[in-house]
Amino acid sequence: MNGGGCHMSGEGGDSRGGESGSRPTITLEDLDAFDEDDFDSDLCSSGGADGENDAMEEEGQDRLLNYWQDIGRVHHVQVPQDMAQPIQQLTSDTESTTDREKVPFTLITCKENYEKRVYNQASWACITVREDTYEQSICAGFMKLMRYICQQNTSGNYLGMTLPIVTVVRTDDSRSSLSRDVTVAYYLPSKHQDQPPTPFDPDITMETWPATVVYSRSFSGPTTETSILGEIHALGEVLDSPQLCVSESFIVAGYTSPAAAHRHNEVWFLERC
């Protein structure tokens, strides 16, 4: 791995996932307001095989895009037209979460408050962003990765969502605050692991993460700076040997869409090499 990208050690580069400055963006709490029942399932279909289905798909994309744009206007943020297809594809894909490929691991220990796992070497698409808040940073990074996943890559195809989407967060020495630099990472599906499609966006880097021992603790609800810091402290307190893995970098893993009302998350500590 090179020092200019992102990886499980948390040493992200200087690439930015959005415009610099104090520009606000859509928060995860905004996306919680999304109600999939407001959209007819036919309008969210991704498989239009004739003119009628294509028209229905386009209408569904427009309605979803308008929803995100309405949210964006509240925060003085422009959600561009080219986000219509990624937003529509992601929304369609949320209905088949159980079919999504998950990052493989070997379970070593399962205790009441955490699990010890081994993750093998794997290819990830990563982007490091810096916004005013953690929530803004992960949204900015995730929107960039959505474009890559949805055809803005050298394969020209929808790559498919995998679980979890992870963010590398960094804390100060006292672990009382998070750095504004946040790395968002997407695990490449197994069929793309050996030859990952190249992203069109130069801010997205392809990284090979080495095999890693991970200590994982599950939690639910929104991922905010406050909740993440609380989970970091909680996991550190239950580990038998926290000195083996507690550092200034941690990983937050999200298993559900940012639009889901009930989210499943994990905080990961990485065992020191």
Protein backbone atom coordinates (compact mmCIF):
# COMPACT_ATOMS: atom_id res chain seq x y z
CA MET A 1 0.00 0.00 0.00
CA ASN A 2 1.21 3.50 -0.72
CA GLY A 3 1.01 6.39 1.71
CA GLY A 4 -1.14 8.51 -0.60
CA GLY A 5 -4.24 6.36 -0.41
CA CYS A 6 -6.29 4.80 2.35
CA HIS A 7 -6.03 1.54 4.17
CA MET A 8 -6.81 -0.16 7.42
CA SER A 9 -3.98 1.59 9.18
CA GLY A 10 -5.95 4.80 8.72
CA GLU A 11 -3.15 6.83 7.11
CA GLY A 12 -5.21 8.65 4.50
CA GLY A 13 -3.84 10.92 1.81
CA ASP A 14 -4.67 14.52 0.93
CA SER A 15 -7.29 13.90 -1.75
CA ARG A 16 -10.62 15.65 -1.22
CA GLY A 17 -14.06 14.26 -1.85
CA GLY A 18 -15.79 17.62 -2.25
CA GLU A 19 -15.19 21.29 -2.66
CA SER A 20 -13.01 22.83 0.01
CA GLY A 21 -14.28 25.26 2.59
CA SER A 22 -17.20 25.18 4.97
CA ARG A 23 -19.80 24.02 2.44
CA PRO A 24 -22.57 22.11 4.25
CA THR A 25 -23.87 18.86 2.79
CA ILE A 26 -26.62 16.32 3.31
CA THR A 27 -26.45 14.64 6.70
CA LEU A 28 -27.40 11.07 7.56
CA GLU A 29 -30.21 12.40 9.73
CA ASP A 30 -31.69 14.07 6.63
CA LEU A 31 -31.55 10.78 4.76
CA ASP A 32 -33.40 9.06 7.60
CA ALA A 33 -36.46 11.07 6.51
CA PHE A 34 -36.53 9.11 3.26
CA ASP A 35 -39.58 6.86 3.06
CA GLU A 36 -39.34 4.20 0.37
CA ASP A 37 -43.13 3.75 0.52
CA ASP A 38 -43.46 7.21 -1.02
CA PHE A 39 -42.06 5.80 -4.26
CA ASP A 40 -43.85 3.13 -6.28
CA SER A 41 -41.62 0.08 -6.61
CA ASP A 42 -42.12 0.09 -10.37
CA LEU A 43 -40.63 3.57 -10.56
CA CYS A 44 -37.51 2.32 -8.85
CA SER A 45 -37.10 -0.64 -11.20
CA SER A 46 -33.61 -0.86 -12.69
CA GLY A 47 -34.37 -3.32 -15.47
CA GLY A 48 -36.33 -1.38 -18.12
CA ALA A 49 -36.49 -3.70 -21.13
CA ASP A 50 -38.77 -1.62 -23.35
CA GLY A 51 -39.81 1.99 -23.86
CA GLU A 52 -42.48 1.88 -21.17
CA ASN A 53 -40.13 0.50 -18.53
CA ASP A 54 -37.44 2.98 -19.55
CA ALA A 55 -39.88 5.85 -19.10
CA MET A 56 -40.93 4.50 -15.70
CA GLU A 57 -37.30 4.16 -14.65
CA GLU A 58 -36.54 7.73 -15.74
CA GLU A 59 -39.56 9.00 -13.81
CA GLY A 60 -38.42 7.10 -10.73
CA GLN A 61 -34.94 8.57 -11.02
CA ASP A 62 -36.35 12.08 -11.33
CA ARG A 63 -38.53 11.67 -8.25
CA LEU A 64 -35.64 10.34 -6.16
CA LEU A 65 -33.30 13.04 -7.41
CA ASN A 66 -35.88 15.72 -6.62
CA TYR A 67 -36.13 14.35 -3.10
CA TRP A 68 -32.37 14.62 -2.56
CA GLN A 69 -32.30 18.05 -4.20
CA ASP A 70 -35.03 19.26 -1.83
CA ILE A 71 -32.87 18.17 1.10
CA GLY A 72 -29.84 19.80 -0.47
CA ARG A 73 -31.57 23.15 -0.84
CA VAL A 74 -32.23 23.23 2.90
CA HIS A 75 -28.46 23.04 3.41
CA HIS A 76 -27.61 25.30 0.46
CA VAL A 77 -26.13 22.33 -1.39
CA GLN A 78 -26.59 21.50 -5.07
CA VAL A 79 -27.16 17.80 -5.80
CA PRO A 80 -26.18 17.55 -9.49
CA GLN A 81 -28.24 15.88 -12.20
CA ASP A 82 -25.61 13.18 -12.70
CA MET A 83 -26.47 11.78 -9.27
CA ALA A 84 -29.90 10.64 -10.52
CA GLN A 85 -28.79 7.21 -11.72
CA PRO A 86 -26.56 6.38 -8.72
CA ILE A 87 -29.31 7.45 -6.31
CA GLN A 88 -31.89 5.36 -8.17
CA GLN A 89 -29.61 2.31 -8.33
CA LEU A 90 -28.76 2.50 -4.65
CA THR A 91 -32.45 2.85 -3.71
CA SER A 92 -33.35 -0.19 -5.80
CA ASP A 93 -30.51 -2.15 -4.26
CA THR A 94 -31.66 -1.46 -0.69
CA GLU A 95 -34.54 -3.87 -1.25
CA SER A 96 -32.13 -6.83 -1.63
CA THR A 97 -29.72 -6.26 1.25
CA THR A 98 -29.57 -9.96 2.07
CA ASP A 99 -28.23 -10.68 -1.43
CA ARG A 100 -25.35 -8.25 -1.24
CA GLU A 101 -21.85 -9.63 -1.07
CA LYS A 102 -20.24 -9.15 2.33
CA VAL A 103 -16.58 -8.64 3.11
CA PRO A 104 -15.38 -12.15 4.01
CA PHE A 105 -13.72 -12.84 7.34
CA THR A 106 -12.86 -15.70 9.69
CA LEU A 107 -14.34 -15.50 13.17
CA ILE A 108 -11.71 -16.21 15.84
CA THR A 109 -13.49 -15.28 19.08
CA CYS A 110 -17.09 -14.33 19.85
CA LYS A 111 -17.62 -12.68 23.23
CA GLU A 112 -20.62 -10.91 24.71
CA ASN A 113 -19.46 -7.42 23.74
CA TYR A 114 -17.19 -7.94 20.77
CA GLU A 115 -15.83 -10.32 18.14
CA LYS A 116 -12.27 -11.02 17.05
CA ARG A 117 -11.98 -11.62 13.31
CA VAL A 118 -9.38 -12.02 10.57
CA TYR A 119 -9.95 -10.23 7.28
CA ASN A 120 -7.91 -11.38 4.31
CA GLN A 121 -6.02 -9.16 1.90
CA ALA A 122 -8.50 -7.39 -0.40
CA SER A 123 -8.97 -4.57 -2.90
CA TRP A 124 -10.86 -1.44 -1.83
CA ALA A 125 -11.87 1.80 -3.56
CA CYS A 126 -11.16 4.71 -1.23
CA ILE A 127 -11.60 8.45 -0.98
CA THR A 128 -10.46 10.83 1.75
CA VAL A 129 -12.57 13.92 2.35
CA ARG A 130 -12.53 16.84 4.74
CA GLU A 131 -15.74 18.63 5.65
CA ASP A 132 -16.82 20.57 8.72
CA THR A 133 -18.31 17.52 10.47
CA TYR A 134 -17.94 13.75 10.37
CA GLU A 135 -21.47 13.35 9.04
CA GLN A 136 -20.81 15.76 6.19
CA SER A 137 -17.54 14.07 5.31
CA ILE A 138 -18.96 10.57 5.01
CA CYS A 139 -21.88 11.82 2.90
CA ALA A 140 -19.54 13.67 0.53
CA GLY A 141 -17.30 10.62 0.21
CA PHE A 142 -20.18 8.20 -0.20
CA MET A 143 -21.73 10.24 -3.02
CA LYS A 144 -18.41 10.11 -4.88
CA LEU A 145 -18.17 6.34 -4.41
CA MET A 146 -21.76 5.96 -5.61
CA ARG A 147 -20.73 7.43 -8.95
CA TYR A 148 -17.84 4.98 -9.21
CA ILE A 149 -20.03 2.00 -8.31
CA CYS A 150 -22.71 3.12 -10.80
CA GLN A 151 -20.82 2.95 -14.11
CA GLN A 152 -18.28 5.77 -13.69
CA ASN A 153 -15.51 3.21 -14.01
CA THR A 154 -13.59 1.55 -16.82
CA SER A 155 -15.92 -1.47 -16.88
CA GLY A 156 -18.87 0.79 -17.71
CA ASN A 157 -21.11 -1.38 -15.53
CA TYR A 158 -22.86 -1.17 -12.17
CA LEU A 159 -20.41 -2.95 -9.86
CA GLY A 160 -22.92 -3.85 -7.15
CA MET A 161 -23.09 -2.79 -3.51
CA THR A 162 -21.11 -4.75 -0.93
CA LEU A 163 -21.30 -4.72 2.85
CA PRO A 164 -20.09 -2.98 4.85
CA ILE A 165 -19.14 0.45 3.58
CA VAL A 166 -16.39 1.52 5.96
CA THR A 167 -14.95 4.82 7.11
CA VAL A 168 -11.52 5.29 8.63
CA VAL A 169 -11.69 7.87 11.41
CA ARG A 170 -8.82 9.44 13.29
CA THR A 171 -8.88 10.86 16.81
CA ASP A 172 -6.69 13.12 18.90
CA ASP A 173 -4.40 11.59 21.53
CA SER A 174 -7.11 11.69 24.19
CA ARG A 175 -9.70 10.21 21.78
CA SER A 176 -12.06 13.06 22.65
CA SER A 177 -12.60 14.39 19.12
CA LEU A 178 -12.43 13.18 15.52
CA SER A 179 -10.21 14.57 12.82
CA ARG A 180 -12.00 16.34 9.96
CA ASP A 181 -10.21 14.01 7.52
CA VAL A 182 -12.36 10.92 6.96
CA THR A 183 -11.68 8.07 4.55
CA VAL A 184 -14.67 6.28 3.00
CA ALA A 185 -13.96 2.86 1.47
CA TYR A 186 -15.85 0.34 -0.69
CA TYR A 187 -14.95 -3.35 -0.87
CA LEU A 188 -14.77 -4.57 -4.48
CA PRO A 189 -17.03 -7.55 -5.23
CA SER A 190 -15.14 -10.85 -5.59
CA LYS A 191 -15.39 -10.84 -9.40
CA HIS A 192 -13.50 -7.52 -9.46
CA GLN A 193 -10.95 -8.25 -6.72
CA ASP A 194 -8.12 -9.31 -9.02
CA GLN A 195 -8.67 -6.53 -11.58
CA PRO A 196 -10.61 -3.65 -10.02
CA PRO A 197 -12.17 -1.27 -12.57
CA THR A 198 -10.39 2.08 -12.58
CA PRO A 199 -12.49 5.04 -11.35
CA PHE A 200 -12.98 8.04 -13.60
CA ASP A 201 -12.74 10.28 -10.53
CA PRO A 202 -9.04 10.96 -9.80
CA ASP A 203 -9.85 11.52 -6.11
CA ILE A 204 -10.76 7.83 -5.73
CA THR A 205 -7.78 5.54 -5.20
CA MET A 206 -7.58 1.76 -5.46
CA GLU A 207 -5.86 0.16 -2.48
CA THR A 208 -4.85 -3.36 -1.48
CA TRP A 209 -5.43 -3.76 2.23
CA PRO A 210 -3.34 -6.50 3.90
CA ALA A 211 -4.70 -9.31 6.03
CA THR A 212 -5.74 -7.80 9.36
CA VAL A 213 -6.95 -8.90 12.80
CA VAL A 214 -10.01 -6.86 13.75
CA TYR A 215 -11.89 -6.43 17.04
CA SER A 216 -15.51 -5.53 16.25
CA ARG A 217 -18.36 -4.16 18.35
CA SER A 218 -21.92 -3.75 16.95
CA PHE A 219 -24.14 -0.74 17.56
CA SER A 220 -27.29 0.72 16.04
CA GLY A 221 -28.61 4.15 15.15
CA PRO A 222 -27.01 7.11 13.40
CA THR A 223 -23.23 7.43 13.17
CA THR A 224 -22.29 10.83 14.56
CA GLU A 225 -19.06 12.06 16.08
CA THR A 226 -20.58 11.68 19.54
CA SER A 227 -21.87 8.14 18.98
CA ILE A 228 -18.60 6.98 17.39
CA LEU A 229 -16.44 8.34 20.18
CA GLY A 230 -18.74 6.64 22.68
CA GLU A 231 -18.42 3.29 20.86
CA ILE A 232 -14.64 3.63 20.66
CA HIS A 233 -14.45 4.11 24.41
CA ALA A 234 -16.91 1.26 25.03
CA LEU A 235 -14.93 -1.23 22.94
CA GLY A 236 -11.64 -0.17 24.53
CA GLU A 237 -13.08 -0.88 27.97
CA VAL A 238 -14.10 -4.49 27.22
CA LEU A 239 -11.00 -5.70 25.39
CA ASP A 240 -8.69 -7.95 27.38
CA SER A 241 -5.58 -6.29 25.91
CA PRO A 242 -6.59 -2.92 24.46
CA GLN A 243 -2.94 -1.88 24.15
CA LEU A 244 -2.63 -4.35 21.24
CA CYS A 245 -4.94 -2.32 19.01
CA VAL A 246 -5.96 1.03 20.48
CA SER A 247 -4.36 3.80 18.44
CA GLU A 248 -5.46 7.07 16.82
CA SER A 249 -7.21 5.38 13.87
CA PHE A 250 -10.39 3.32 13.93
CA ILE A 251 -12.93 2.01 11.42
CA VAL A 252 -16.69 2.46 11.41
CA ALA A 253 -18.51 -0.16 9.33
CA GLY A 254 -22.03 0.48 8.03
CA TYR A 255 -24.21 -2.43 6.91
CA THR A 256 -27.33 -0.51 5.94
CA SER A 257 -28.05 2.33 3.55
CA PRO A 258 -27.69 5.88 4.88
CA ALA A 259 -31.39 6.19 3.99
CA ALA A 260 -32.43 3.33 6.30
CA ALA A 261 -34.41 4.20 9.40
CA HIS A 262 -32.75 1.44 11.43
CA ARG A 263 -29.05 1.04 10.79
CA HIS A 264 -26.61 -1.68 11.76
CA ASN A 265 -23.08 -0.45 12.41
CA GLU A 266 -19.84 -1.69 13.90
CA VAL A 267 -16.71 -0.04 15.25
CA TRP A 268 -13.46 -1.85 14.44
CA PHE A 269 -10.12 -1.79 16.23
CA LEU A 270 -7.18 -3.10 14.23
CA GLU A 271 -4.54 -5.22 15.92
CA ARG A 272 -1.13 -3.59 15.73
CA CYS A 273 1.35 -5.27 13.40
